[in-house]
Amino acid sequence: MTAPSARRHRTYAALVFATVLAAVAAACKDDNPAGQCYNRRFDVSRPTNAKLLAYSLSPSSIEYHYLDVRTDTLELTWDTSSAYYGGACLRFQTTDSVRIDSSGIFQFFLTGSNGAYLRRRLVEQGRITNDSVIGYVFRGCEGDGGRFRLLPDSTISFTWDNGEQARILDPSAVHRLEGDVIRSSVTQSASADSVRWNWRLSWVRAYCGEGL
């Protein structure tokens, strides 16, 4: 049987964590009309008039760190040793099927939840809690594609047709093409830098339904 004080402690910790997640969500700009979640990002067979070259998210490359020191201290770190559920692909227009074009259409495709475990460290009133919580790479209302440009410095800029661009797809993120790998990163903060988080991950060349 769990002692009442232990139950109260866990309940308080859960409330703190829920409050922090709500604050992070509020910090992410969401100015898209309702209904844009219903697009084709889960439809791998959607057609295109162009050849596509795909890059698949590499779960082992994911790095995520979140730190909130506004009152107590909450730290979250992505656990790459845990099972990853789902997949994600970026598919780019290509002329020669070897490299992506300098500009053209792109598609974004998701499957599953794209979730895994985060290591959590919570320090509150001198008490330290170390455990795990479930986290997700994508926020849940992403677009399904648009147009891209490969810039001279090897970064890729995206113009999305729909959806919400947050986390690793935020407009402030940097996506750099290095051979057969796209390296993506974003660093953000809120509350006078008392809340900070960053994502880093790689997309690797892989078949992902392109050419359909």
N, C-alpha and C. Protein backbone atom coordinates (compact mmCIF):
# COMPACT_ATOMS: atom_id res chain seq x y z
N MET A 1 0.85 -1.19 0.00
CA MET A 1 0.00 0.00 0.00
C MET A 1 0.89 1.24 0.00
N THR A 2 0.50 2.25 -0.77
CA THR A 2 1.28 3.47 -0.87
C THR A 2 0.90 4.43 0.25
N ALA A 3 1.89 5.00 0.92
CA ALA A 3 1.65 5.94 1.99
C ALA A 3 0.99 7.19 1.44
N PRO A 4 0.08 7.83 2.24
CA PRO A 4 -0.59 9.06 1.75
C PRO A 4 0.38 10.14 1.33
N SER A 5 1.49 10.32 2.07
CA SER A 5 2.45 11.37 1.72
C SER A 5 3.10 11.10 0.38
N ALA A 6 3.39 9.81 0.11
CA ALA A 6 4.00 9.45 -1.18
C ALA A 6 3.02 9.69 -2.31
N ARG A 7 1.74 9.36 -2.06
CA ARG A 7 0.73 9.59 -3.10
C ARG A 7 0.59 11.08 -3.39
N ARG A 8 0.56 11.89 -2.31
CA ARG A 8 0.46 13.34 -2.50
C ARG A 8 1.64 13.88 -3.28
N HIS A 9 2.85 13.35 -2.99
CA HIS A 9 4.06 13.80 -3.67
C HIS A 9 3.99 13.50 -5.16
N ARG A 10 3.54 12.28 -5.50
CA ARG A 10 3.46 11.92 -6.91
C ARG A 10 2.39 12.73 -7.62
N THR A 11 1.27 12.97 -6.92
CA THR A 11 0.20 13.77 -7.51
C THR A 11 0.68 15.19 -7.79
N TYR A 12 1.41 15.77 -6.83
CA TYR A 12 1.93 17.13 -7.01
C TYR A 12 2.92 17.16 -8.17
N ALA A 13 3.79 16.16 -8.24
CA ALA A 13 4.77 16.10 -9.33
C ALA A 13 4.08 16.02 -10.68
N ALA A 14 3.00 15.21 -10.73
CA ALA A 14 2.27 15.08 -12.00
C ALA A 14 1.63 16.40 -12.38
N LEU A 15 1.08 17.13 -11.39
CA LEU A 15 0.47 18.42 -11.69
C LEU A 15 1.51 19.43 -12.16
N VAL A 16 2.68 19.42 -11.54
CA VAL A 16 3.76 20.31 -11.98
C VAL A 16 4.14 20.02 -13.42
N PHE A 17 4.29 18.74 -13.73
CA PHE A 17 4.68 18.35 -15.08
C PHE A 17 3.62 18.75 -16.10
N ALA A 18 2.34 18.53 -15.76
CA ALA A 18 1.26 18.90 -16.67
C ALA A 18 1.23 20.40 -16.90
N THR A 19 1.48 21.17 -15.85
CA THR A 19 1.51 22.63 -15.98
C THR A 19 2.63 23.08 -16.90
N VAL A 20 3.79 22.44 -16.75
CA VAL A 20 4.94 22.79 -17.60
C VAL A 20 4.65 22.47 -19.05
N LEU A 21 4.06 21.30 -19.31
CA LEU A 21 3.75 20.94 -20.70
C LEU A 21 2.75 21.93 -21.29
N ALA A 22 1.79 22.38 -20.50
CA ALA A 22 0.84 23.37 -20.98
C ALA A 22 1.54 24.68 -21.32
N ALA A 23 2.52 25.06 -20.50
CA ALA A 23 3.27 26.29 -20.75
C ALA A 23 4.07 26.19 -22.03
N VAL A 24 4.69 25.03 -22.25
CA VAL A 24 5.46 24.82 -23.48
C VAL A 24 4.55 24.90 -24.69
N ALA A 25 3.37 24.28 -24.59
CA ALA A 25 2.42 24.32 -25.70
C ALA A 25 2.01 25.76 -26.00
N ALA A 26 1.80 26.54 -24.95
CA ALA A 26 1.41 27.93 -25.14
C ALA A 26 2.53 28.74 -25.77
N ALA A 27 3.78 28.35 -25.49
CA ALA A 27 4.92 29.07 -26.03
C ALA A 27 5.09 28.82 -27.52
N CYS A 28 4.52 27.73 -28.03
CA CYS A 28 4.63 27.40 -29.45
C CYS A 28 3.50 28.10 -30.19
N LYS A 29 3.85 28.93 -31.13
CA LYS A 29 2.85 29.71 -31.87
C LYS A 29 1.94 28.79 -32.67
N ASP A 30 0.64 29.01 -32.57
CA ASP A 30 -0.34 28.20 -33.29
C ASP A 30 -1.38 29.15 -33.88
N ASP A 31 -1.14 29.56 -35.12
CA ASP A 31 -2.05 30.52 -35.74
C ASP A 31 -2.71 29.93 -36.97
N ASN A 32 -2.81 28.60 -37.03
CA ASN A 32 -3.42 27.96 -38.18
C ASN A 32 -4.91 27.76 -37.93
N PRO A 33 -5.73 27.91 -38.97
CA PRO A 33 -7.17 27.72 -38.80
C PRO A 33 -7.48 26.29 -38.37
N ALA A 34 -8.53 26.14 -37.59
CA ALA A 34 -8.95 24.81 -37.18
C ALA A 34 -9.30 23.98 -38.41
N GLY A 35 -8.99 22.70 -38.36
CA GLY A 35 -9.31 21.82 -39.47
C GLY A 35 -8.11 21.46 -40.32
N GLN A 36 -6.99 22.17 -40.20
CA GLN A 36 -5.83 21.86 -41.01
C GLN A 36 -5.12 20.58 -40.56
N CYS A 37 -5.53 20.04 -39.43
CA CYS A 37 -4.96 18.76 -39.00
C CYS A 37 -5.38 17.65 -39.96
N TYR A 38 -6.48 17.87 -40.65
CA TYR A 38 -7.01 16.82 -41.52
C TYR A 38 -6.40 16.95 -42.91
N ASN A 39 -5.15 16.54 -43.03
CA ASN A 39 -4.47 16.56 -44.33
C ASN A 39 -3.96 15.15 -44.64
N ARG A 40 -3.00 15.04 -45.53
CA ARG A 40 -2.59 13.71 -46.01
C ARG A 40 -1.23 13.28 -45.49
N ARG A 41 -0.86 13.76 -44.31
CA ARG A 41 0.47 13.42 -43.80
C ARG A 41 0.60 11.94 -43.42
N PHE A 42 -0.52 11.23 -43.25
CA PHE A 42 -0.48 9.80 -42.97
C PHE A 42 -0.77 8.95 -44.20
N ASP A 43 -0.86 9.59 -45.37
CA ASP A 43 -1.20 8.89 -46.61
C ASP A 43 0.05 8.72 -47.48
N VAL A 44 0.70 7.55 -47.38
CA VAL A 44 1.94 7.33 -48.11
C VAL A 44 1.70 7.22 -49.61
N SER A 45 0.48 6.90 -50.01
CA SER A 45 0.21 6.66 -51.43
C SER A 45 -0.27 7.89 -52.17
N ARG A 46 -0.24 9.06 -51.53
CA ARG A 46 -0.73 10.23 -52.25
C ARG A 46 0.14 10.50 -53.47
N PRO A 47 -0.46 10.79 -54.61
CA PRO A 47 0.28 10.88 -55.87
C PRO A 47 1.02 12.19 -56.04
N THR A 48 1.95 12.18 -56.96
CA THR A 48 2.68 13.38 -57.34
C THR A 48 3.05 13.26 -58.80
N ASN A 49 3.24 14.39 -59.47
CA ASN A 49 3.64 14.39 -60.86
C ASN A 49 5.15 14.41 -61.02
N ALA A 50 5.88 14.38 -59.90
CA ALA A 50 7.34 14.44 -59.95
C ALA A 50 7.95 13.22 -59.27
N LYS A 51 9.20 12.90 -59.66
CA LYS A 51 9.95 11.89 -58.93
C LYS A 51 10.30 12.43 -57.55
N LEU A 52 10.35 11.54 -56.56
CA LEU A 52 10.66 11.97 -55.20
C LEU A 52 11.82 11.16 -54.64
N LEU A 53 12.63 11.82 -53.83
CA LEU A 53 13.75 11.19 -53.14
C LEU A 53 13.49 11.36 -51.65
N ALA A 54 13.56 10.26 -50.88
CA ALA A 54 13.10 10.30 -49.50
C ALA A 54 14.24 10.23 -48.49
N TYR A 55 14.01 10.89 -47.37
CA TYR A 55 14.89 10.85 -46.21
C TYR A 55 14.04 10.49 -45.00
N SER A 56 14.46 9.46 -44.29
CA SER A 56 13.69 8.94 -43.17
C SER A 56 14.32 9.36 -41.84
N LEU A 57 13.49 9.72 -40.88
CA LEU A 57 13.98 10.09 -39.56
C LEU A 57 14.72 8.91 -38.91
N SER A 58 15.91 9.18 -38.41
CA SER A 58 16.71 8.16 -37.72
C SER A 58 16.48 8.29 -36.21
N PRO A 59 15.73 7.37 -35.60
CA PRO A 59 15.43 7.51 -34.16
C PRO A 59 16.68 7.55 -33.27
N SER A 60 17.73 6.85 -33.68
CA SER A 60 18.94 6.81 -32.85
C SER A 60 19.66 8.15 -32.82
N SER A 61 19.30 9.07 -33.74
CA SER A 61 19.97 10.37 -33.80
C SER A 61 19.27 11.44 -32.97
N ILE A 62 18.12 11.13 -32.41
CA ILE A 62 17.32 12.14 -31.73
C ILE A 62 17.99 12.61 -30.44
N GLU A 63 18.13 13.92 -30.32
CA GLU A 63 18.59 14.55 -29.09
C GLU A 63 17.57 15.61 -28.70
N TYR A 64 17.09 15.53 -27.48
CA TYR A 64 16.15 16.53 -26.99
C TYR A 64 16.49 16.84 -25.54
N HIS A 65 16.53 18.12 -25.22
CA HIS A 65 16.79 18.54 -23.85
C HIS A 65 15.88 19.70 -23.52
N TYR A 66 15.21 19.61 -22.37
CA TYR A 66 14.28 20.62 -21.91
C TYR A 66 14.63 20.96 -20.47
N LEU A 67 14.70 22.25 -20.15
CA LEU A 67 15.03 22.67 -18.80
C LEU A 67 14.14 23.84 -18.40
N ASP A 68 13.47 23.70 -17.26
CA ASP A 68 12.61 24.74 -16.72
C ASP A 68 13.05 25.02 -15.29
N VAL A 69 13.52 26.26 -15.06
CA VAL A 69 14.01 26.63 -13.72
C VAL A 69 13.22 27.82 -13.17
N ARG A 70 11.99 27.98 -13.61
CA ARG A 70 11.21 29.14 -13.17
C ARG A 70 10.90 29.10 -11.67
N THR A 71 10.54 27.94 -11.17
CA THR A 71 10.25 27.80 -9.74
C THR A 71 11.08 26.65 -9.19
N ASP A 72 10.62 25.44 -9.44
CA ASP A 72 11.45 24.27 -9.17
C ASP A 72 12.26 23.99 -10.44
N THR A 73 12.89 22.86 -10.48
CA THR A 73 13.69 22.51 -11.66
C THR A 73 13.12 21.25 -12.30
N LEU A 74 12.81 21.34 -13.57
CA LEU A 74 12.36 20.18 -14.35
C LEU A 74 13.28 20.02 -15.54
N GLU A 75 13.85 18.85 -15.68
CA GLU A 75 14.75 18.56 -16.79
C GLU A 75 14.28 17.29 -17.49
N LEU A 76 14.17 17.36 -18.81
CA LEU A 76 13.77 16.23 -19.63
C LEU A 76 14.85 15.97 -20.68
N THR A 77 15.19 14.69 -20.86
CA THR A 77 16.20 14.30 -21.84
C THR A 77 15.70 13.09 -22.61
N TRP A 78 15.82 13.14 -23.94
CA TRP A 78 15.36 12.01 -24.76
C TRP A 78 16.19 10.77 -24.47
N ASP A 79 15.50 9.64 -24.32
CA ASP A 79 16.17 8.37 -24.04
C ASP A 79 16.25 7.55 -25.32
N THR A 80 17.40 7.58 -26.00
CA THR A 80 17.54 6.87 -27.28
C THR A 80 17.63 5.36 -27.08
N SER A 81 17.77 4.89 -25.84
CA SER A 81 17.82 3.45 -25.60
C SER A 81 16.44 2.82 -25.53
N SER A 82 15.39 3.65 -25.45
CA SER A 82 14.03 3.11 -25.37
C SER A 82 13.49 2.85 -26.77
N ALA A 83 12.46 2.02 -26.85
CA ALA A 83 11.85 1.69 -28.14
C ALA A 83 11.19 2.93 -28.73
N TYR A 84 11.29 3.06 -30.04
CA TYR A 84 10.70 4.20 -30.75
C TYR A 84 9.54 3.69 -31.60
N TYR A 85 8.39 4.33 -31.47
CA TYR A 85 7.19 3.85 -32.15
C TYR A 85 6.79 4.83 -33.25
N GLY A 86 6.90 4.36 -34.48
CA GLY A 86 6.49 5.19 -35.60
C GLY A 86 7.63 5.50 -36.54
N GLY A 87 7.35 6.37 -37.49
CA GLY A 87 8.35 6.79 -38.46
C GLY A 87 7.92 8.08 -39.12
N ALA A 88 8.88 8.75 -39.74
CA ALA A 88 8.61 10.01 -40.43
C ALA A 88 9.53 10.12 -41.63
N CYS A 89 9.03 10.70 -42.71
CA CYS A 89 9.82 10.86 -43.91
C CYS A 89 9.59 12.23 -44.54
N LEU A 90 10.65 12.78 -45.10
CA LEU A 90 10.59 13.93 -45.98
C LEU A 90 10.93 13.45 -47.38
N ARG A 91 10.08 13.79 -48.35
CA ARG A 91 10.29 13.33 -49.72
C ARG A 91 10.38 14.56 -50.62
N PHE A 92 11.50 14.63 -51.38
CA PHE A 92 11.81 15.82 -52.17
C PHE A 92 11.78 15.51 -53.66
N GLN A 93 11.42 16.54 -54.44
CA GLN A 93 11.45 16.41 -55.89
C GLN A 93 12.88 16.20 -56.36
N THR A 94 13.06 15.28 -57.32
CA THR A 94 14.38 15.00 -57.89
C THR A 94 14.26 14.80 -59.39
N THR A 95 15.28 15.19 -60.10
CA THR A 95 15.29 15.01 -61.56
C THR A 95 16.05 13.75 -61.96
N ASP A 96 17.17 13.50 -61.26
CA ASP A 96 18.01 12.37 -61.66
C ASP A 96 17.93 11.18 -60.69
N SER A 97 17.08 11.25 -59.69
CA SER A 97 16.92 10.19 -58.70
C SER A 97 18.19 9.93 -57.88
N VAL A 98 19.14 10.85 -57.93
CA VAL A 98 20.39 10.72 -57.17
C VAL A 98 20.48 11.81 -56.11
N ARG A 99 20.07 13.03 -56.48
CA ARG A 99 20.11 14.15 -55.55
C ARG A 99 18.82 14.95 -55.69
N ILE A 100 18.49 15.70 -54.64
CA ILE A 100 17.27 16.49 -54.72
C ILE A 100 17.51 17.70 -55.61
N ASP A 101 16.44 18.22 -56.19
CA ASP A 101 16.55 19.40 -57.04
C ASP A 101 16.85 20.63 -56.18
N SER A 102 17.22 21.70 -56.83
CA SER A 102 17.49 22.94 -56.10
C SER A 102 16.20 23.56 -55.57
N SER A 103 15.07 23.21 -56.16
CA SER A 103 13.77 23.65 -55.66
C SER A 103 12.71 22.74 -56.24
N GLY A 104 11.55 22.75 -55.61
CA GLY A 104 10.47 21.90 -56.09
C GLY A 104 9.50 21.57 -54.98
N ILE A 105 8.72 20.53 -55.19
CA ILE A 105 7.74 20.12 -54.18
C ILE A 105 8.39 19.17 -53.17
N PHE A 106 7.82 19.14 -51.98
CA PHE A 106 8.21 18.13 -51.00
C PHE A 106 6.95 17.61 -50.32
N GLN A 107 7.05 16.40 -49.79
CA GLN A 107 5.97 15.79 -49.03
C GLN A 107 6.49 15.37 -47.67
N PHE A 108 5.61 15.45 -46.68
CA PHE A 108 5.94 15.00 -45.33
C PHE A 108 5.00 13.86 -44.99
N PHE A 109 5.57 12.78 -44.50
CA PHE A 109 4.78 11.58 -44.23
C PHE A 109 5.06 11.07 -42.83
N LEU A 110 4.01 10.68 -42.11
CA LEU A 110 4.13 10.14 -40.76
C LEU A 110 3.45 8.79 -40.65
N THR A 111 3.96 7.96 -39.76
CA THR A 111 3.28 6.73 -39.38
C THR A 111 3.49 6.51 -37.89
N GLY A 112 2.47 6.03 -37.22
CA GLY A 112 2.60 5.79 -35.78
C GLY A 112 2.67 7.06 -34.96
N SER A 113 3.01 6.91 -33.68
CA SER A 113 3.00 8.04 -32.76
C SER A 113 4.30 8.83 -32.74
N ASN A 114 5.40 8.25 -33.25
CA ASN A 114 6.72 8.87 -33.18
C ASN A 114 7.05 9.28 -31.74
N GLY A 115 6.85 8.32 -30.85
CA GLY A 115 7.09 8.56 -29.43
C GLY A 115 8.09 7.59 -28.83
N ALA A 116 8.66 7.98 -27.72
CA ALA A 116 9.57 7.15 -26.94
C ALA A 116 9.59 7.72 -25.53
N TYR A 117 10.51 7.24 -24.70
CA TYR A 117 10.57 7.72 -23.32
C TYR A 117 11.57 8.86 -23.16
N LEU A 118 11.22 9.75 -22.24
CA LEU A 118 12.11 10.82 -21.81
C LEU A 118 12.55 10.53 -20.38
N ARG A 119 13.82 10.78 -20.12
CA ARG A 119 14.27 10.75 -18.73
C ARG A 119 13.87 12.06 -18.07
N ARG A 120 13.25 11.97 -16.91
CA ARG A 120 12.79 13.17 -16.21
C ARG A 120 13.49 13.31 -14.87
N ARG A 121 13.96 14.52 -14.60
CA ARG A 121 14.55 14.85 -13.30
C ARG A 121 13.80 16.06 -12.76
N LEU A 122 13.13 15.87 -11.63
CA LEU A 122 12.32 16.93 -11.03
C LEU A 122 12.87 17.22 -9.64
N VAL A 123 13.21 18.48 -9.41
CA VAL A 123 13.68 18.93 -8.09
C VAL A 123 12.66 19.91 -7.55
N GLU A 124 12.00 19.56 -6.46
CA GLU A 124 10.97 20.41 -5.88
C GLU A 124 11.09 20.39 -4.36
N GLN A 125 11.29 21.57 -3.80
CA GLN A 125 11.39 21.73 -2.35
C GLN A 125 12.43 20.77 -1.75
N GLY A 126 13.54 20.64 -2.46
CA GLY A 126 14.63 19.81 -1.98
C GLY A 126 14.49 18.34 -2.28
N ARG A 127 13.35 17.92 -2.79
CA ARG A 127 13.15 16.51 -3.14
C ARG A 127 13.50 16.30 -4.61
N ILE A 128 14.16 15.20 -4.91
CA ILE A 128 14.57 14.88 -6.27
C ILE A 128 13.84 13.63 -6.74
N THR A 129 13.20 13.73 -7.90
CA THR A 129 12.52 12.60 -8.51
C THR A 129 13.17 12.31 -9.85
N ASN A 130 13.59 11.07 -10.05
CA ASN A 130 14.13 10.63 -11.33
C ASN A 130 13.25 9.50 -11.85
N ASP A 131 12.61 9.72 -13.00
CA ASP A 131 11.78 8.68 -13.59
C ASP A 131 11.69 8.91 -15.09
N SER A 132 10.70 8.31 -15.73
CA SER A 132 10.54 8.43 -17.18
C SER A 132 9.11 8.82 -17.52
N VAL A 133 8.96 9.56 -18.60
CA VAL A 133 7.65 9.92 -19.13
C VAL A 133 7.69 9.73 -20.64
N ILE A 134 6.53 9.60 -21.25
CA ILE A 134 6.47 9.44 -22.70
C ILE A 134 6.55 10.80 -23.37
N GLY A 135 7.35 10.87 -24.45
CA GLY A 135 7.47 12.11 -25.21
C GLY A 135 7.30 11.83 -26.69
N TYR A 136 7.03 12.89 -27.45
CA TYR A 136 6.77 12.76 -28.88
C TYR A 136 7.61 13.78 -29.66
N VAL A 137 8.11 13.37 -30.81
CA VAL A 137 8.91 14.27 -31.64
C VAL A 137 8.03 15.33 -32.29
N PHE A 138 6.85 14.93 -32.73
CA PHE A 138 5.97 15.86 -33.45
C PHE A 138 4.76 16.20 -32.61
N ARG A 139 4.25 17.40 -32.82
CA ARG A 139 3.21 17.93 -31.94
C ARG A 139 1.82 17.39 -32.26
N GLY A 140 1.58 17.02 -33.52
CA GLY A 140 0.32 16.37 -33.81
C GLY A 140 -0.56 17.02 -34.85
N CYS A 141 -0.17 18.16 -35.39
CA CYS A 141 -0.98 18.82 -36.40
C CYS A 141 -0.09 19.34 -37.53
N GLU A 142 0.90 18.53 -37.89
CA GLU A 142 1.86 18.96 -38.91
C GLU A 142 1.21 19.02 -40.29
N GLY A 143 1.85 19.79 -41.18
CA GLY A 143 1.40 19.84 -42.56
C GLY A 143 1.82 18.59 -43.32
N ASP A 144 1.38 18.48 -44.56
CA ASP A 144 1.73 17.30 -45.36
C ASP A 144 2.68 17.62 -46.51
N GLY A 145 3.14 18.88 -46.59
CA GLY A 145 4.11 19.21 -47.63
C GLY A 145 3.97 20.62 -48.14
N GLY A 146 4.62 20.87 -49.26
CA GLY A 146 4.61 22.20 -49.86
C GLY A 146 5.73 22.31 -50.86
N ARG A 147 6.50 23.40 -50.78
CA ARG A 147 7.62 23.60 -51.68
C ARG A 147 8.89 23.85 -50.86
N PHE A 148 10.03 23.47 -51.46
CA PHE A 148 11.32 23.63 -50.78
C PHE A 148 12.31 24.33 -51.69
N ARG A 149 13.38 24.86 -51.07
CA ARG A 149 14.52 25.41 -51.80
C ARG A 149 15.79 24.93 -51.12
N LEU A 150 16.72 24.43 -51.93
CA LEU A 150 18.05 24.06 -51.44
C LEU A 150 18.95 25.27 -51.67
N LEU A 151 19.38 25.89 -50.59
CA LEU A 151 20.14 27.13 -50.67
C LEU A 151 21.63 26.87 -50.87
N PRO A 152 22.40 27.89 -51.29
CA PRO A 152 23.84 27.69 -51.56
C PRO A 152 24.64 27.18 -50.37
N ASP A 153 24.18 27.46 -49.15
CA ASP A 153 24.92 26.99 -47.96
C ASP A 153 24.48 25.59 -47.54
N SER A 154 23.72 24.90 -48.42
CA SER A 154 23.25 23.53 -48.20
C SER A 154 22.11 23.42 -47.20
N THR A 155 21.57 24.54 -46.75
CA THR A 155 20.37 24.46 -45.91
C THR A 155 19.14 24.38 -46.81
N ILE A 156 18.08 23.81 -46.25
CA ILE A 156 16.83 23.64 -46.98
C ILE A 156 15.76 24.49 -46.32
N SER A 157 15.10 25.32 -47.11
CA SER A 157 13.99 26.12 -46.59
C SER A 157 12.68 25.50 -47.07
N PHE A 158 11.67 25.58 -46.21
CA PHE A 158 10.38 24.96 -46.51
C PHE A 158 9.29 26.02 -46.53
N THR A 159 8.38 25.91 -47.50
CA THR A 159 7.15 26.68 -47.52
C THR A 159 6.01 25.67 -47.47
N TRP A 160 5.36 25.60 -46.31
CA TRP A 160 4.33 24.58 -46.09
C TRP A 160 2.99 25.03 -46.64
N ASP A 161 2.23 24.08 -47.20
CA ASP A 161 0.90 24.39 -47.71
C ASP A 161 -0.15 24.43 -46.61
N ASN A 162 0.10 23.73 -45.50
CA ASN A 162 -0.92 23.61 -44.47
C ASN A 162 -0.29 23.14 -43.17
N GLY A 163 -1.10 22.98 -42.15
CA GLY A 163 -0.65 22.40 -40.90
C GLY A 163 0.08 23.36 -39.98
N GLU A 164 0.61 22.79 -38.90
CA GLU A 164 1.29 23.54 -37.86
C GLU A 164 2.77 23.19 -37.87
N GLN A 165 3.61 24.20 -37.90
CA GLN A 165 5.06 23.97 -37.90
C GLN A 165 5.60 24.28 -36.51
N ALA A 166 5.92 23.25 -35.77
CA ALA A 166 6.40 23.40 -34.40
C ALA A 166 7.53 22.41 -34.17
N ARG A 167 8.23 22.58 -33.03
CA ARG A 167 9.33 21.71 -32.65
C ARG A 167 10.36 21.64 -33.79
N ILE A 168 10.71 20.48 -34.27
CA ILE A 168 11.79 20.37 -35.26
C ILE A 168 11.35 20.93 -36.61
N LEU A 169 10.06 21.18 -36.81
CA LEU A 169 9.57 21.77 -38.05
C LEU A 169 9.28 23.26 -37.91
N ASP A 170 9.62 23.84 -36.77
CA ASP A 170 9.42 25.27 -36.56
C ASP A 170 10.18 26.07 -37.61
N PRO A 171 9.67 27.23 -38.04
CA PRO A 171 10.38 28.05 -39.02
C PRO A 171 11.79 28.44 -38.61
N SER A 172 12.07 28.46 -37.31
CA SER A 172 13.42 28.82 -36.85
C SER A 172 14.41 27.65 -36.91
N ALA A 173 13.92 26.45 -37.20
CA ALA A 173 14.80 25.29 -37.26
C ALA A 173 15.72 25.38 -38.48
N VAL A 174 16.88 24.74 -38.37
CA VAL A 174 17.86 24.70 -39.46
C VAL A 174 17.93 23.26 -39.96
N HIS A 175 17.80 23.09 -41.29
CA HIS A 175 17.88 21.78 -41.92
C HIS A 175 19.00 21.84 -42.96
N ARG A 176 20.05 21.08 -42.74
CA ARG A 176 21.23 21.15 -43.60
C ARG A 176 21.49 19.81 -44.28
N LEU A 177 21.63 19.84 -45.60
CA LEU A 177 21.90 18.63 -46.37
C LEU A 177 23.40 18.35 -46.39
N GLU A 178 23.78 17.17 -45.90
CA GLU A 178 25.18 16.75 -45.90
C GLU A 178 25.27 15.36 -46.54
N GLY A 179 25.50 15.34 -47.84
CA GLY A 179 25.54 14.07 -48.55
C GLY A 179 24.18 13.40 -48.57
N ASP A 180 24.09 12.21 -47.98
CA ASP A 180 22.83 11.49 -47.91
C ASP A 180 22.13 11.66 -46.58
N VAL A 181 22.47 12.72 -45.86
CA VAL A 181 21.88 12.97 -44.54
C VAL A 181 21.41 14.42 -44.46
N ILE A 182 20.24 14.63 -43.86
CA ILE A 182 19.77 15.97 -43.53
C ILE A 182 19.82 16.10 -42.00
N ARG A 183 20.55 17.09 -41.51
CA ARG A 183 20.66 17.30 -40.07
C ARG A 183 19.78 18.49 -39.68
N SER A 184 18.87 18.24 -38.76
CA SER A 184 17.91 19.27 -38.34
C SER A 184 18.15 19.65 -36.89
N SER A 185 18.00 20.93 -36.59
CA SER A 185 18.19 21.39 -35.21
C SER A 185 17.36 22.64 -34.97
N VAL A 186 16.94 22.80 -33.72
CA VAL A 186 16.22 24.00 -33.32
C VAL A 186 16.45 24.22 -31.83
N THR A 187 16.66 25.48 -31.45
CA THR A 187 16.82 25.85 -30.05
C THR A 187 15.88 27.00 -29.76
N GLN A 188 15.10 26.89 -28.69
CA GLN A 188 14.12 27.91 -28.34
C GLN A 188 14.10 28.14 -26.83
N SER A 189 13.49 29.24 -26.43
CA SER A 189 13.39 29.55 -25.01
C SER A 189 12.15 30.39 -24.77
N ALA A 190 11.79 30.50 -23.48
CA ALA A 190 10.64 31.30 -23.09
C ALA A 190 10.85 31.77 -21.66
N SER A 191 9.97 32.66 -21.20
CA SER A 191 10.01 33.17 -19.83
C SER A 191 11.39 33.71 -19.46
N ALA A 192 11.86 34.64 -20.29
CA ALA A 192 13.16 35.27 -20.05
C ALA A 192 14.28 34.24 -19.94
N ASP A 193 14.21 33.23 -20.79
CA ASP A 193 15.23 32.18 -20.88
C ASP A 193 15.22 31.24 -19.67
N SER A 194 14.18 31.31 -18.84
CA SER A 194 14.08 30.38 -17.72
C SER A 194 13.59 29.00 -18.17
N VAL A 195 13.02 28.97 -19.36
CA VAL A 195 12.61 27.70 -19.98
C VAL A 195 13.35 27.59 -21.30
N ARG A 196 14.09 26.51 -21.47
CA ARG A 196 14.88 26.32 -22.69
C ARG A 196 14.72 24.89 -23.19
N TRP A 197 14.67 24.76 -24.51
CA TRP A 197 14.61 23.41 -25.07
C TRP A 197 15.27 23.40 -26.44
N ASN A 198 15.81 22.25 -26.80
CA ASN A 198 16.42 22.10 -28.13
C ASN A 198 16.22 20.69 -28.65
N TRP A 199 16.10 20.61 -29.96
CA TRP A 199 15.98 19.34 -30.67
C TRP A 199 17.12 19.24 -31.68
N ARG A 200 17.65 18.02 -31.83
CA ARG A 200 18.59 17.71 -32.90
C ARG A 200 18.31 16.31 -33.38
N LEU A 201 18.26 16.12 -34.69
CA LEU A 201 18.04 14.79 -35.24
C LEU A 201 18.48 14.76 -36.70
N SER A 202 18.57 13.55 -37.24
CA SER A 202 19.01 13.38 -38.62
C SER A 202 17.98 12.59 -39.42
N TRP A 203 17.93 12.91 -40.70
CA TRP A 203 17.12 12.17 -41.67
C TRP A 203 18.10 11.50 -42.64
N VAL A 204 17.93 10.22 -42.88
CA VAL A 204 18.86 9.48 -43.74
C VAL A 204 18.13 8.97 -44.98
N ARG A 205 18.86 8.85 -46.08
CA ARG A 205 18.26 8.35 -47.32
C ARG A 205 17.70 6.96 -47.09
N ALA A 206 16.43 6.79 -47.45
CA ALA A 206 15.76 5.49 -47.29
C ALA A 206 14.52 5.49 -48.14
N TYR A 207 14.10 4.31 -48.57
CA TYR A 207 12.85 4.21 -49.34
C TYR A 207 11.68 4.53 -48.43
N CYS A 208 10.77 5.36 -48.93
CA CYS A 208 9.63 5.77 -48.11
C CYS A 208 8.42 6.02 -49.01
N GLY A 209 8.20 5.11 -49.95
CA GLY A 209 7.05 5.22 -50.82
C GLY A 209 7.21 6.22 -51.94
N GLU A 210 8.42 6.77 -52.14
CA GLU A 210 8.59 7.76 -53.19
C GLU A 210 8.40 7.14 -54.56
N GLY A 211 7.99 7.99 -55.48
CA GLY A 211 7.78 7.54 -56.85
C GLY A 211 6.38 7.05 -57.12
N LEU A 212 5.51 7.07 -56.11
CA LEU A 212 4.14 6.59 -56.31
C LEU A 212 3.35 7.61 -57.12
